[in-house]
Amino acid sequence: MAEDRESSIAQSQGTDTNTDAGMDTAGSAPEREMSIEETLAELEGLIEKMEDRSSSLEDTFAFYERGMKLVKECSGKIDRVEKKLMILTEDGQNDEL
């Protein structure tokens, strides 16, 4: 039953439950990092699923956990972009931290 729930959640997130540390089943490199826009789009999808009354409490909690992870990732991405912009405006050049 837990495997069914994890499989359902993984499918809704576009991930594979048979992977380890972001690697696909063939053992190749992990997929590319999602853009801020892609992360926000996935968050919106998770919110819709959480608002759907037909989702179980367990699934809703899993969607919440995934959403919080995405919020943290997105916040970090935005912070990096803001730092680059601050450096750009201060120096007039593209110096990275």
Foldseek 3Di string as FASTA:
>chain_A
DVVVLVCVLCVLVVHDPPDDPQADPVRDDHDDDDDLVVLVVSLVSLVVVLPDPVDDPVSNVVSVVVNVVSVVVSVVVVVQVVQQVVVCVVPVDRDHD
